[in-house]
Structure formats: structure tokens, C-alpha cells
Amino acid sequence: AGVVPKQGDFLWHELWTSDVFAASP
């Protein structure tokens, strides 16, 4: 953990969802 990503590394993840309030918990 804590390694600074370089260009071409995976940086972040987002769940694009039809129900934010159900998916988050």
C-alpha cells in the first residue's frame, strides 16, 4: 500500500450504479 502510481498504473475505481444508496452499504 501507499506506492505512488505511475502513468499506466491503475489509479482509482468507481462503481457506476443504478442505486447508490443500496450499493454503498
PDBML (XML) file of the C-alpha atoms, coordinates in Angstrom:
<?xml version="1.0" encoding="UTF-8" ?>
<PDBx:datablock datablockName="MODEL"
   xmlns:PDBx="http://pdbml.pdb.org/schema/pdbx-v50.xsd"
   xmlns:xsi="http://www.w3.org/2001/XMLSchema-instance"
   xsi:schemaLocation="http://pdbml.pdb.org/schema/pdbx-v50.xsd pdbx-v50.xsd">
   <PDBx:atom_siteCategory>
      <PDBx:atom_site id="1">
         <PDBx:B_iso_or_equiv>0.00</PDBx:B_iso_or_equiv>
         <PDBx:Cartn_x>0.000</PDBx:Cartn_x>
         <PDBx:Cartn_y>0.000</PDBx:Cartn_y>
         <PDBx:Cartn_z>0.000</PDBx:Cartn_z>
         <PDBx:auth_asym_id>A</PDBx:auth_asym_id>
         <PDBx:auth_atom_id>CA</PDBx:auth_atom_id>
         <PDBx:auth_comp_id>ALA</PDBx:auth_comp_id>
         <PDBx:auth_seq_id>1</PDBx:auth_seq_id>
         <PDBx:group_PDB>ATOM</PDBx:group_PDB>
         <PDBx:label_alt_id xsi:nil="true" />
         <PDBx:label_asym_id>A</PDBx:label_asym_id>
         <PDBx:label_atom_id>CA</PDBx:label_atom_id>
         <PDBx:label_comp_id>ALA</PDBx:label_comp_id>
         <PDBx:label_entity_id>1</PDBx:label_entity_id>
         <PDBx:label_seq_id>1</PDBx:label_seq_id>
         <PDBx:occupancy>1.00</PDBx:occupancy>
         <PDBx:pdbx_PDB_model_num>1</PDBx:pdbx_PDB_model_num>
         <PDBx:type_symbol>C</PDBx:type_symbol>
      </PDBx:atom_site>
      <PDBx:atom_site id="2">
         <PDBx:B_iso_or_equiv>0.00</PDBx:B_iso_or_equiv>
         <PDBx:Cartn_x>0.987</PDBx:Cartn_x>
         <PDBx:Cartn_y>3.637</PDBx:Cartn_y>
         <PDBx:Cartn_z>-0.424</PDBx:Cartn_z>
         <PDBx:auth_asym_id>A</PDBx:auth_asym_id>
         <PDBx:auth_atom_id>CA</PDBx:auth_atom_id>
         <PDBx:auth_comp_id>GLY</PDBx:auth_comp_id>
         <PDBx:auth_seq_id>2</PDBx:auth_seq_id>
         <PDBx:group_PDB>ATOM</PDBx:group_PDB>
         <PDBx:label_alt_id xsi:nil="true" />
         <PDBx:label_asym_id>A</PDBx:label_asym_id>
         <PDBx:label_atom_id>CA</PDBx:label_atom_id>
         <PDBx:label_comp_id>GLY</PDBx:label_comp_id>
         <PDBx:label_entity_id>1</PDBx:label_entity_id>
         <PDBx:label_seq_id>2</PDBx:label_seq_id>
         <PDBx:occupancy>1.00</PDBx:occupancy>
         <PDBx:pdbx_PDB_model_num>1</PDBx:pdbx_PDB_model_num>
         <PDBx:type_symbol>C</PDBx:type_symbol>
      </PDBx:atom_site>
      <PDBx:atom_site id="3">
         <PDBx:B_iso_or_equiv>0.00</PDBx:B_iso_or_equiv>
         <PDBx:Cartn_x>3.049</PDBx:Cartn_x>
         <PDBx:Cartn_y>3.181</PDBx:Cartn_y>
         <PDBx:Cartn_z>-3.606</PDBx:Cartn_z>
         <PDBx:auth_asym_id>A</PDBx:auth_asym_id>
         <PDBx:auth_atom_id>CA</PDBx:auth_atom_id>
         <PDBx:auth_comp_id>VAL</PDBx:auth_comp_id>
         <PDBx:auth_seq_id>3</PDBx:auth_seq_id>
         <PDBx:group_PDB>ATOM</PDBx:group_PDB>
         <PDBx:label_alt_id xsi:nil="true" />
         <PDBx:label_asym_id>A</PDBx:label_asym_id>
         <PDBx:label_atom_id>CA</PDBx:label_atom_id>
         <PDBx:label_comp_id>VAL</PDBx:label_comp_id>
         <PDBx:label_entity_id>1</PDBx:label_entity_id>
         <PDBx:label_seq_id>3</PDBx:label_seq_id>
         <PDBx:occupancy>1.00</PDBx:occupancy>
         <PDBx:pdbx_PDB_model_num>1</PDBx:pdbx_PDB_model_num>
         <PDBx:type_symbol>C</PDBx:type_symbol>
      </PDBx:atom_site>
      <PDBx:atom_site id="4">
         <PDBx:B_iso_or_equiv>0.00</PDBx:B_iso_or_equiv>
         <PDBx:Cartn_x>2.726</PDBx:Cartn_x>
         <PDBx:Cartn_y>6.256</PDBx:Cartn_y>
         <PDBx:Cartn_z>-5.848</PDBx:Cartn_z>
         <PDBx:auth_asym_id>A</PDBx:auth_asym_id>
         <PDBx:auth_atom_id>CA</PDBx:auth_atom_id>
         <PDBx:auth_comp_id>VAL</PDBx:auth_comp_id>
         <PDBx:auth_seq_id>4</PDBx:auth_seq_id>
         <PDBx:group_PDB>ATOM</PDBx:group_PDB>
         <PDBx:label_alt_id xsi:nil="true" />
         <PDBx:label_asym_id>A</PDBx:label_asym_id>
         <PDBx:label_atom_id>CA</PDBx:label_atom_id>
         <PDBx:label_comp_id>VAL</PDBx:label_comp_id>
         <PDBx:label_entity_id>1</PDBx:label_entity_id>
         <PDBx:label_seq_id>4</PDBx:label_seq_id>
         <PDBx:occupancy>1.00</PDBx:occupancy>
         <PDBx:pdbx_PDB_model_num>1</PDBx:pdbx_PDB_model_num>
         <PDBx:type_symbol>C</PDBx:type_symbol>
      </PDBx:atom_site>
      <PDBx:atom_site id="5">
         <PDBx:B_iso_or_equiv>0.00</PDBx:B_iso_or_equiv>
         <PDBx:Cartn_x>1.229</PDBx:Cartn_x>
         <PDBx:Cartn_y>5.068</PDBx:Cartn_y>
         <PDBx:Cartn_z>-9.162</PDBx:Cartn_z>
         <PDBx:auth_asym_id>A</PDBx:auth_asym_id>
         <PDBx:auth_atom_id>CA</PDBx:auth_atom_id>
         <PDBx:auth_comp_id>PRO</PDBx:auth_comp_id>
         <PDBx:auth_seq_id>5</PDBx:auth_seq_id>
         <PDBx:group_PDB>ATOM</PDBx:group_PDB>
         <PDBx:label_alt_id xsi:nil="true" />
         <PDBx:label_asym_id>A</PDBx:label_asym_id>
         <PDBx:label_atom_id>CA</PDBx:label_atom_id>
         <PDBx:label_comp_id>PRO</PDBx:label_comp_id>
         <PDBx:label_entity_id>1</PDBx:label_entity_id>
         <PDBx:label_seq_id>5</PDBx:label_seq_id>
         <PDBx:occupancy>1.00</PDBx:occupancy>
         <PDBx:pdbx_PDB_model_num>1</PDBx:pdbx_PDB_model_num>
         <PDBx:type_symbol>C</PDBx:type_symbol>
      </PDBx:atom_site>
      <PDBx:atom_site id="6">
         <PDBx:B_iso_or_equiv>0.00</PDBx:B_iso_or_equiv>
         <PDBx:Cartn_x>2.987</PDBx:Cartn_x>
         <PDBx:Cartn_y>5.871</PDBx:Cartn_y>
         <PDBx:Cartn_z>-12.431</PDBx:Cartn_z>
         <PDBx:auth_asym_id>A</PDBx:auth_asym_id>
         <PDBx:auth_atom_id>CA</PDBx:auth_atom_id>
         <PDBx:auth_comp_id>LYS</PDBx:auth_comp_id>
         <PDBx:auth_seq_id>6</PDBx:auth_seq_id>
         <PDBx:group_PDB>ATOM</PDBx:group_PDB>
         <PDBx:label_alt_id xsi:nil="true" />
         <PDBx:label_asym_id>A</PDBx:label_asym_id>
         <PDBx:label_atom_id>CA</PDBx:label_atom_id>
         <PDBx:label_comp_id>LYS</PDBx:label_comp_id>
         <PDBx:label_entity_id>1</PDBx:label_entity_id>
         <PDBx:label_seq_id>6</PDBx:label_seq_id>
         <PDBx:occupancy>1.00</PDBx:occupancy>
         <PDBx:pdbx_PDB_model_num>1</PDBx:pdbx_PDB_model_num>
         <PDBx:type_symbol>C</PDBx:type_symbol>
      </PDBx:atom_site>
      <PDBx:atom_site id="7">
         <PDBx:B_iso_or_equiv>0.00</PDBx:B_iso_or_equiv>
         <PDBx:Cartn_x>1.437</PDBx:Cartn_x>
         <PDBx:Cartn_y>6.596</PDBx:Cartn_y>
         <PDBx:Cartn_z>-15.811</PDBx:Cartn_z>
         <PDBx:auth_asym_id>A</PDBx:auth_asym_id>
         <PDBx:auth_atom_id>CA</PDBx:auth_atom_id>
         <PDBx:auth_comp_id>GLN</PDBx:auth_comp_id>
         <PDBx:auth_seq_id>7</PDBx:auth_seq_id>
         <PDBx:group_PDB>ATOM</PDBx:group_PDB>
         <PDBx:label_alt_id xsi:nil="true" />
         <PDBx:label_asym_id>A</PDBx:label_asym_id>
         <PDBx:label_atom_id>CA</PDBx:label_atom_id>
         <PDBx:label_comp_id>GLN</PDBx:label_comp_id>
         <PDBx:label_entity_id>1</PDBx:label_entity_id>
         <PDBx:label_seq_id>7</PDBx:label_seq_id>
         <PDBx:occupancy>1.00</PDBx:occupancy>
         <PDBx:pdbx_PDB_model_num>1</PDBx:pdbx_PDB_model_num>
         <PDBx:type_symbol>C</PDBx:type_symbol>
      </PDBx:atom_site>
      <PDBx:atom_site id="8">
         <PDBx:B_iso_or_equiv>0.00</PDBx:B_iso_or_equiv>
         <PDBx:Cartn_x>-0.246</PDBx:Cartn_x>
         <PDBx:Cartn_y>3.410</PDBx:Cartn_y>
         <PDBx:Cartn_z>-16.988</PDBx:Cartn_z>
         <PDBx:auth_asym_id>A</PDBx:auth_asym_id>
         <PDBx:auth_atom_id>CA</PDBx:auth_atom_id>
         <PDBx:auth_comp_id>GLY</PDBx:auth_comp_id>
         <PDBx:auth_seq_id>8</PDBx:auth_seq_id>
         <PDBx:group_PDB>ATOM</PDBx:group_PDB>
         <PDBx:label_alt_id xsi:nil="true" />
         <PDBx:label_asym_id>A</PDBx:label_asym_id>
         <PDBx:label_atom_id>CA</PDBx:label_atom_id>
         <PDBx:label_comp_id>GLY</PDBx:label_comp_id>
         <PDBx:label_entity_id>1</PDBx:label_entity_id>
         <PDBx:label_seq_id>8</PDBx:label_seq_id>
         <PDBx:occupancy>1.00</PDBx:occupancy>
         <PDBx:pdbx_PDB_model_num>1</PDBx:pdbx_PDB_model_num>
         <PDBx:type_symbol>C</PDBx:type_symbol>
      </PDBx:atom_site>
      <PDBx:atom_site id="9">
         <PDBx:B_iso_or_equiv>0.00</PDBx:B_iso_or_equiv>
         <PDBx:Cartn_x>-0.913</PDBx:Cartn_x>
         <PDBx:Cartn_y>2.126</PDBx:Cartn_y>
         <PDBx:Cartn_z>-13.456</PDBx:Cartn_z>
         <PDBx:auth_asym_id>A</PDBx:auth_asym_id>
         <PDBx:auth_atom_id>CA</PDBx:auth_atom_id>
         <PDBx:auth_comp_id>ASP</PDBx:auth_comp_id>
         <PDBx:auth_seq_id>9</PDBx:auth_seq_id>
         <PDBx:group_PDB>ATOM</PDBx:group_PDB>
         <PDBx:label_alt_id xsi:nil="true" />
         <PDBx:label_asym_id>A</PDBx:label_asym_id>
         <PDBx:label_atom_id>CA</PDBx:label_atom_id>
         <PDBx:label_comp_id>ASP</PDBx:label_comp_id>
         <PDBx:label_entity_id>1</PDBx:label_entity_id>
         <PDBx:label_seq_id>9</PDBx:label_seq_id>
         <PDBx:occupancy>1.00</PDBx:occupancy>
         <PDBx:pdbx_PDB_model_num>1</PDBx:pdbx_PDB_model_num>
         <PDBx:type_symbol>C</PDBx:type_symbol>
      </PDBx:atom_site>
      <PDBx:atom_site id="10">
         <PDBx:B_iso_or_equiv>0.00</PDBx:B_iso_or_equiv>
         <PDBx:Cartn_x>-4.378</PDBx:Cartn_x>
         <PDBx:Cartn_y>1.578</PDBx:Cartn_y>
         <PDBx:Cartn_z>-12.062</PDBx:Cartn_z>
         <PDBx:auth_asym_id>A</PDBx:auth_asym_id>
         <PDBx:auth_atom_id>CA</PDBx:auth_atom_id>
         <PDBx:auth_comp_id>PHE</PDBx:auth_comp_id>
         <PDBx:auth_seq_id>10</PDBx:auth_seq_id>
         <PDBx:group_PDB>ATOM</PDBx:group_PDB>
         <PDBx:label_alt_id xsi:nil="true" />
         <PDBx:label_asym_id>A</PDBx:label_asym_id>
         <PDBx:label_atom_id>CA</PDBx:label_atom_id>
         <PDBx:label_comp_id>PHE</PDBx:label_comp_id>
         <PDBx:label_entity_id>1</PDBx:label_entity_id>
         <PDBx:label_seq_id>10</PDBx:label_seq_id>
         <PDBx:occupancy>1.00</PDBx:occupancy>
         <PDBx:pdbx_PDB_model_num>1</PDBx:pdbx_PDB_model_num>
         <PDBx:type_symbol>C</PDBx:type_symbol>
      </PDBx:atom_site>
      <PDBx:atom_site id="11">
         <PDBx:B_iso_or_equiv>0.00</PDBx:B_iso_or_equiv>
         <PDBx:Cartn_x>-5.260</PDBx:Cartn_x>
         <PDBx:Cartn_y>4.660</PDBx:Cartn_y>
         <PDBx:Cartn_z>-10.040</PDBx:Cartn_z>
         <PDBx:auth_asym_id>A</PDBx:auth_asym_id>
         <PDBx:auth_atom_id>CA</PDBx:auth_atom_id>
         <PDBx:auth_comp_id>LEU</PDBx:auth_comp_id>
         <PDBx:auth_seq_id>11</PDBx:auth_seq_id>
         <PDBx:group_PDB>ATOM</PDBx:group_PDB>
         <PDBx:label_alt_id xsi:nil="true" />
         <PDBx:label_asym_id>A</PDBx:label_asym_id>
         <PDBx:label_atom_id>CA</PDBx:label_atom_id>
         <PDBx:label_comp_id>LEU</PDBx:label_comp_id>
         <PDBx:label_entity_id>1</PDBx:label_entity_id>
         <PDBx:label_seq_id>11</PDBx:label_seq_id>
         <PDBx:occupancy>1.00</PDBx:occupancy>
         <PDBx:pdbx_PDB_model_num>1</PDBx:pdbx_PDB_model_num>
         <PDBx:type_symbol>C</PDBx:type_symbol>
      </PDBx:atom_site>
      <PDBx:atom_site id="12">
         <PDBx:B_iso_or_equiv>0.00</PDBx:B_iso_or_equiv>
         <PDBx:Cartn_x>-8.895</PDBx:Cartn_x>
         <PDBx:Cartn_y>4.575</PDBx:Cartn_y>
         <PDBx:Cartn_z>-8.900</PDBx:Cartn_z>
         <PDBx:auth_asym_id>A</PDBx:auth_asym_id>
         <PDBx:auth_atom_id>CA</PDBx:auth_atom_id>
         <PDBx:auth_comp_id>TRP</PDBx:auth_comp_id>
         <PDBx:auth_seq_id>12</PDBx:auth_seq_id>
         <PDBx:group_PDB>ATOM</PDBx:group_PDB>
         <PDBx:label_alt_id xsi:nil="true" />
         <PDBx:label_asym_id>A</PDBx:label_asym_id>
         <PDBx:label_atom_id>CA</PDBx:label_atom_id>
         <PDBx:label_comp_id>TRP</PDBx:label_comp_id>
         <PDBx:label_entity_id>1</PDBx:label_entity_id>
         <PDBx:label_seq_id>12</PDBx:label_seq_id>
         <PDBx:occupancy>1.00</PDBx:occupancy>
         <PDBx:pdbx_PDB_model_num>1</PDBx:pdbx_PDB_model_num>
         <PDBx:type_symbol>C</PDBx:type_symbol>
      </PDBx:atom_site>
      <PDBx:atom_site id="13">
         <PDBx:B_iso_or_equiv>0.00</PDBx:B_iso_or_equiv>
         <PDBx:Cartn_x>-12.177</PDBx:Cartn_x>
         <PDBx:Cartn_y>2.659</PDBx:Cartn_y>
         <PDBx:Cartn_z>-9.127</PDBx:Cartn_z>
         <PDBx:auth_asym_id>A</PDBx:auth_asym_id>
         <PDBx:auth_atom_id>CA</PDBx:auth_atom_id>
         <PDBx:auth_comp_id>HIS</PDBx:auth_comp_id>
         <PDBx:auth_seq_id>13</PDBx:auth_seq_id>
         <PDBx:group_PDB>ATOM</PDBx:group_PDB>
         <PDBx:label_alt_id xsi:nil="true" />
         <PDBx:label_asym_id>A</PDBx:label_asym_id>
         <PDBx:label_atom_id>CA</PDBx:label_atom_id>
         <PDBx:label_comp_id>HIS</PDBx:label_comp_id>
         <PDBx:label_entity_id>1</PDBx:label_entity_id>
         <PDBx:label_seq_id>13</PDBx:label_seq_id>
         <PDBx:occupancy>1.00</PDBx:occupancy>
         <PDBx:pdbx_PDB_model_num>1</PDBx:pdbx_PDB_model_num>
         <PDBx:type_symbol>C</PDBx:type_symbol>
      </PDBx:atom_site>
      <PDBx:atom_site id="14">
         <PDBx:B_iso_or_equiv>0.00</PDBx:B_iso_or_equiv>
         <PDBx:Cartn_x>-15.751</PDBx:Cartn_x>
         <PDBx:Cartn_y>3.910</PDBx:Cartn_y>
         <PDBx:Cartn_z>-9.317</PDBx:Cartn_z>
         <PDBx:auth_asym_id>A</PDBx:auth_asym_id>
         <PDBx:auth_atom_id>CA</PDBx:auth_atom_id>
         <PDBx:auth_comp_id>GLU</PDBx:auth_comp_id>
         <PDBx:auth_seq_id>14</PDBx:auth_seq_id>
         <PDBx:group_PDB>ATOM</PDBx:group_PDB>
         <PDBx:label_alt_id xsi:nil="true" />
         <PDBx:label_asym_id>A</PDBx:label_asym_id>
         <PDBx:label_atom_id>CA</PDBx:label_atom_id>
         <PDBx:label_comp_id>GLU</PDBx:label_comp_id>
         <PDBx:label_entity_id>1</PDBx:label_entity_id>
         <PDBx:label_seq_id>14</PDBx:label_seq_id>
         <PDBx:occupancy>1.00</PDBx:occupancy>
         <PDBx:pdbx_PDB_model_num>1</PDBx:pdbx_PDB_model_num>
         <PDBx:type_symbol>C</PDBx:type_symbol>
      </PDBx:atom_site>
      <PDBx:atom_site id="15">
         <PDBx:B_iso_or_equiv>0.00</PDBx:B_iso_or_equiv>
         <PDBx:Cartn_x>-18.935</PDBx:Cartn_x>
         <PDBx:Cartn_y>1.909</PDBx:Cartn_y>
         <PDBx:Cartn_z>-9.171</PDBx:Cartn_z>
         <PDBx:auth_asym_id>A</PDBx:auth_asym_id>
         <PDBx:auth_atom_id>CA</PDBx:auth_atom_id>
         <PDBx:auth_comp_id>LEU</PDBx:auth_comp_id>
         <PDBx:auth_seq_id>15</PDBx:auth_seq_id>
         <PDBx:group_PDB>ATOM</PDBx:group_PDB>
         <PDBx:label_alt_id xsi:nil="true" />
         <PDBx:label_asym_id>A</PDBx:label_asym_id>
         <PDBx:label_atom_id>CA</PDBx:label_atom_id>
         <PDBx:label_comp_id>LEU</PDBx:label_comp_id>
         <PDBx:label_entity_id>1</PDBx:label_entity_id>
         <PDBx:label_seq_id>15</PDBx:label_seq_id>
         <PDBx:occupancy>1.00</PDBx:occupancy>
         <PDBx:pdbx_PDB_model_num>1</PDBx:pdbx_PDB_model_num>
         <PDBx:type_symbol>C</PDBx:type_symbol>
      </PDBx:atom_site>
      <PDBx:atom_site id="16">
         <PDBx:B_iso_or_equiv>0.00</PDBx:B_iso_or_equiv>
         <PDBx:Cartn_x>-21.416</PDBx:Cartn_x>
         <PDBx:Cartn_y>3.418</PDBx:Cartn_y>
         <PDBx:Cartn_z>-11.620</PDBx:Cartn_z>
         <PDBx:auth_asym_id>A</PDBx:auth_asym_id>
         <PDBx:auth_atom_id>CA</PDBx:auth_atom_id>
         <PDBx:auth_comp_id>TRP</PDBx:auth_comp_id>
         <PDBx:auth_seq_id>16</PDBx:auth_seq_id>
         <PDBx:group_PDB>ATOM</PDBx:group_PDB>
         <PDBx:label_alt_id xsi:nil="true" />
         <PDBx:label_asym_id>A</PDBx:label_asym_id>
         <PDBx:label_atom_id>CA</PDBx:label_atom_id>
         <PDBx:label_comp_id>TRP</PDBx:label_comp_id>
         <PDBx:label_entity_id>1</PDBx:label_entity_id>
         <PDBx:label_seq_id>16</PDBx:label_seq_id>
         <PDBx:occupancy>1.00</PDBx:occupancy>
         <PDBx:pdbx_PDB_model_num>1</PDBx:pdbx_PDB_model_num>
         <PDBx:type_symbol>C</PDBx:type_symbol>
      </PDBx:atom_site>
      <PDBx:atom_site id="17">
         <PDBx:B_iso_or_equiv>0.00</PDBx:B_iso_or_equiv>
         <PDBx:Cartn_x>-24.705</PDBx:Cartn_x>
         <PDBx:Cartn_y>2.122</PDBx:Cartn_y>
         <PDBx:Cartn_z>-10.304</PDBx:Cartn_z>
         <PDBx:auth_asym_id>A</PDBx:auth_asym_id>
         <PDBx:auth_atom_id>CA</PDBx:auth_atom_id>
         <PDBx:auth_comp_id>THR</PDBx:auth_comp_id>
         <PDBx:auth_seq_id>17</PDBx:auth_seq_id>
         <PDBx:group_PDB>ATOM</PDBx:group_PDB>
         <PDBx:label_alt_id xsi:nil="true" />
         <PDBx:label_asym_id>A</PDBx:label_asym_id>
         <PDBx:label_atom_id>CA</PDBx:label_atom_id>
         <PDBx:label_comp_id>THR</PDBx:label_comp_id>
         <PDBx:label_entity_id>1</PDBx:label_entity_id>
         <PDBx:label_seq_id>17</PDBx:label_seq_id>
         <PDBx:occupancy>1.00</PDBx:occupancy>
         <PDBx:pdbx_PDB_model_num>1</PDBx:pdbx_PDB_model_num>
         <PDBx:type_symbol>C</PDBx:type_symbol>
      </PDBx:atom_site>
      <PDBx:atom_site id="18">
         <PDBx:B_iso_or_equiv>0.00</PDBx:B_iso_or_equiv>
         <PDBx:Cartn_x>-28.463</PDBx:Cartn_x>
         <PDBx:Cartn_y>2.421</PDBx:Cartn_y>
         <PDBx:Cartn_z>-10.561</PDBx:Cartn_z>
         <PDBx:auth_asym_id>A</PDBx:auth_asym_id>
         <PDBx:auth_atom_id>CA</PDBx:auth_atom_id>
         <PDBx:auth_comp_id>SER</PDBx:auth_comp_id>
         <PDBx:auth_seq_id>18</PDBx:auth_seq_id>
         <PDBx:group_PDB>ATOM</PDBx:group_PDB>
         <PDBx:label_alt_id xsi:nil="true" />
         <PDBx:label_asym_id>A</PDBx:label_asym_id>
         <PDBx:label_atom_id>CA</PDBx:label_atom_id>
         <PDBx:label_comp_id>SER</PDBx:label_comp_id>
         <PDBx:label_entity_id>1</PDBx:label_entity_id>
         <PDBx:label_seq_id>18</PDBx:label_seq_id>
         <PDBx:occupancy>1.00</PDBx:occupancy>
         <PDBx:pdbx_PDB_model_num>1</PDBx:pdbx_PDB_model_num>
         <PDBx:type_symbol>C</PDBx:type_symbol>
      </PDBx:atom_site>
      <PDBx:atom_site id="19">
         <PDBx:B_iso_or_equiv>0.00</PDBx:B_iso_or_equiv>
         <PDBx:Cartn_x>-28.797</PDBx:Cartn_x>
         <PDBx:Cartn_y>2.655</PDBx:Cartn_y>
         <PDBx:Cartn_z>-6.748</PDBx:Cartn_z>
         <PDBx:auth_asym_id>A</PDBx:auth_asym_id>
         <PDBx:auth_atom_id>CA</PDBx:auth_atom_id>
         <PDBx:auth_comp_id>ASP</PDBx:auth_comp_id>
         <PDBx:auth_seq_id>19</PDBx:auth_seq_id>
         <PDBx:group_PDB>ATOM</PDBx:group_PDB>
         <PDBx:label_alt_id xsi:nil="true" />
         <PDBx:label_asym_id>A</PDBx:label_asym_id>
         <PDBx:label_atom_id>CA</PDBx:label_atom_id>
         <PDBx:label_comp_id>ASP</PDBx:label_comp_id>
         <PDBx:label_entity_id>1</PDBx:label_entity_id>
         <PDBx:label_seq_id>19</PDBx:label_seq_id>
         <PDBx:occupancy>1.00</PDBx:occupancy>
         <PDBx:pdbx_PDB_model_num>1</PDBx:pdbx_PDB_model_num>
         <PDBx:type_symbol>C</PDBx:type_symbol>
      </PDBx:atom_site>
      <PDBx:atom_site id="20">
         <PDBx:B_iso_or_equiv>0.00</PDBx:B_iso_or_equiv>
         <PDBx:Cartn_x>-26.011</PDBx:Cartn_x>
         <PDBx:Cartn_y>4.451</PDBx:Cartn_y>
         <PDBx:Cartn_z>-4.890</PDBx:Cartn_z>
         <PDBx:auth_asym_id>A</PDBx:auth_asym_id>
         <PDBx:auth_atom_id>CA</PDBx:auth_atom_id>
         <PDBx:auth_comp_id>VAL</PDBx:auth_comp_id>
         <PDBx:auth_seq_id>20</PDBx:auth_seq_id>
         <PDBx:group_PDB>ATOM</PDBx:group_PDB>
         <PDBx:label_alt_id xsi:nil="true" />
         <PDBx:label_asym_id>A</PDBx:label_asym_id>
         <PDBx:label_atom_id>CA</PDBx:label_atom_id>
         <PDBx:label_comp_id>VAL</PDBx:label_comp_id>
         <PDBx:label_entity_id>1</PDBx:label_entity_id>
         <PDBx:label_seq_id>20</PDBx:label_seq_id>
         <PDBx:occupancy>1.00</PDBx:occupancy>
         <PDBx:pdbx_PDB_model_num>1</PDBx:pdbx_PDB_model_num>
         <PDBx:type_symbol>C</PDBx:type_symbol>
      </PDBx:atom_site>
      <PDBx:atom_site id="21">
         <PDBx:B_iso_or_equiv>0.00</PDBx:B_iso_or_equiv>
         <PDBx:Cartn_x>-27.749</PDBx:Cartn_x>
         <PDBx:Cartn_y>4.212</PDBx:Cartn_y>
         <PDBx:Cartn_z>-1.526</PDBx:Cartn_z>
         <PDBx:auth_asym_id>A</PDBx:auth_asym_id>
         <PDBx:auth_atom_id>CA</PDBx:auth_atom_id>
         <PDBx:auth_comp_id>PHE</PDBx:auth_comp_id>
         <PDBx:auth_seq_id>21</PDBx:auth_seq_id>
         <PDBx:group_PDB>ATOM</PDBx:group_PDB>
         <PDBx:label_alt_id xsi:nil="true" />
         <PDBx:label_asym_id>A</PDBx:label_asym_id>
         <PDBx:label_atom_id>CA</PDBx:label_atom_id>
         <PDBx:label_comp_id>PHE</PDBx:label_comp_id>
         <PDBx:label_entity_id>1</PDBx:label_entity_id>
         <PDBx:label_seq_id>21</PDBx:label_seq_id>
         <PDBx:occupancy>1.00</PDBx:occupancy>
         <PDBx:pdbx_PDB_model_num>1</PDBx:pdbx_PDB_model_num>
         <PDBx:type_symbol>C</PDBx:type_symbol>
      </PDBx:atom_site>
      <PDBx:atom_site id="22">
         <PDBx:B_iso_or_equiv>0.00</PDBx:B_iso_or_equiv>
         <PDBx:Cartn_x>-28.172</PDBx:Cartn_x>
         <PDBx:Cartn_y>0.434</PDBx:Cartn_y>
         <PDBx:Cartn_z>-1.732</PDBx:Cartn_z>
         <PDBx:auth_asym_id>A</PDBx:auth_asym_id>
         <PDBx:auth_atom_id>CA</PDBx:auth_atom_id>
         <PDBx:auth_comp_id>ALA</PDBx:auth_comp_id>
         <PDBx:auth_seq_id>22</PDBx:auth_seq_id>
         <PDBx:group_PDB>ATOM</PDBx:group_PDB>
         <PDBx:label_alt_id xsi:nil="true" />
         <PDBx:label_asym_id>A</PDBx:label_asym_id>
         <PDBx:label_atom_id>CA</PDBx:label_atom_id>
         <PDBx:label_comp_id>ALA</PDBx:label_comp_id>
         <PDBx:label_entity_id>1</PDBx:label_entity_id>
         <PDBx:label_seq_id>22</PDBx:label_seq_id>
         <PDBx:occupancy>1.00</PDBx:occupancy>
         <PDBx:pdbx_PDB_model_num>1</PDBx:pdbx_PDB_model_num>
         <PDBx:type_symbol>C</PDBx:type_symbol>
      </PDBx:atom_site>
      <PDBx:atom_site id="23">
         <PDBx:B_iso_or_equiv>0.00</PDBx:B_iso_or_equiv>
         <PDBx:Cartn_x>-24.781</PDBx:Cartn_x>
         <PDBx:Cartn_y>-0.320</PDBx:Cartn_y>
         <PDBx:Cartn_z>-3.292</PDBx:Cartn_z>
         <PDBx:auth_asym_id>A</PDBx:auth_asym_id>
         <PDBx:auth_atom_id>CA</PDBx:auth_atom_id>
         <PDBx:auth_comp_id>ALA</PDBx:auth_comp_id>
         <PDBx:auth_seq_id>23</PDBx:auth_seq_id>
         <PDBx:group_PDB>ATOM</PDBx:group_PDB>
         <PDBx:label_alt_id xsi:nil="true" />
         <PDBx:label_asym_id>A</PDBx:label_asym_id>
         <PDBx:label_atom_id>CA</PDBx:label_atom_id>
         <PDBx:label_comp_id>ALA</PDBx:label_comp_id>
         <PDBx:label_entity_id>1</PDBx:label_entity_id>
         <PDBx:label_seq_id>23</PDBx:label_seq_id>
         <PDBx:occupancy>1.00</PDBx:occupancy>
         <PDBx:pdbx_PDB_model_num>1</PDBx:pdbx_PDB_model_num>
         <PDBx:type_symbol>C</PDBx:type_symbol>
      </PDBx:atom_site>
      <PDBx:atom_site id="24">
         <PDBx:B_iso_or_equiv>0.00</PDBx:B_iso_or_equiv>
         <PDBx:Cartn_x>-22.684</PDBx:Cartn_x>
         <PDBx:Cartn_y>1.736</PDBx:Cartn_y>
         <PDBx:Cartn_z>-0.853</PDBx:Cartn_z>
         <PDBx:auth_asym_id>A</PDBx:auth_asym_id>
         <PDBx:auth_atom_id>CA</PDBx:auth_atom_id>
         <PDBx:auth_comp_id>SER</PDBx:auth_comp_id>
         <PDBx:auth_seq_id>24</PDBx:auth_seq_id>
         <PDBx:group_PDB>ATOM</PDBx:group_PDB>
         <PDBx:label_alt_id xsi:nil="true" />
         <PDBx:label_asym_id>A</PDBx:label_asym_id>
         <PDBx:label_atom_id>CA</PDBx:label_atom_id>
         <PDBx:label_comp_id>SER</PDBx:label_comp_id>
         <PDBx:label_entity_id>1</PDBx:label_entity_id>
         <PDBx:label_seq_id>24</PDBx:label_seq_id>
         <PDBx:occupancy>1.00</PDBx:occupancy>
         <PDBx:pdbx_PDB_model_num>1</PDBx:pdbx_PDB_model_num>
         <PDBx:type_symbol>C</PDBx:type_symbol>
      </PDBx:atom_site>
      <PDBx:atom_site id="25">
         <PDBx:B_iso_or_equiv>0.00</PDBx:B_iso_or_equiv>
         <PDBx:Cartn_x>-23.557</PDBx:Cartn_x>
         <PDBx:Cartn_y>-0.224</PDBx:Cartn_y>
         <PDBx:Cartn_z>2.330</PDBx:Cartn_z>
         <PDBx:auth_asym_id>A</PDBx:auth_asym_id>
         <PDBx:auth_atom_id>CA</PDBx:auth_atom_id>
         <PDBx:auth_comp_id>PRO</PDBx:auth_comp_id>
         <PDBx:auth_seq_id>25</PDBx:auth_seq_id>
         <PDBx:group_PDB>ATOM</PDBx:group_PDB>
         <PDBx:label_alt_id xsi:nil="true" />
         <PDBx:label_asym_id>A</PDBx:label_asym_id>
         <PDBx:label_atom_id>CA</PDBx:label_atom_id>
         <PDBx:label_comp_id>PRO</PDBx:label_comp_id>
         <PDBx:label_entity_id>1</PDBx:label_entity_id>
         <PDBx:label_seq_id>25</PDBx:label_seq_id>
         <PDBx:occupancy>1.00</PDBx:occupancy>
         <PDBx:pdbx_PDB_model_num>1</PDBx:pdbx_PDB_model_num>
         <PDBx:type_symbol>C</PDBx:type_symbol>
      </PDBx:atom_site>
   </PDBx:atom_siteCategory>
</PDBx:datablock>
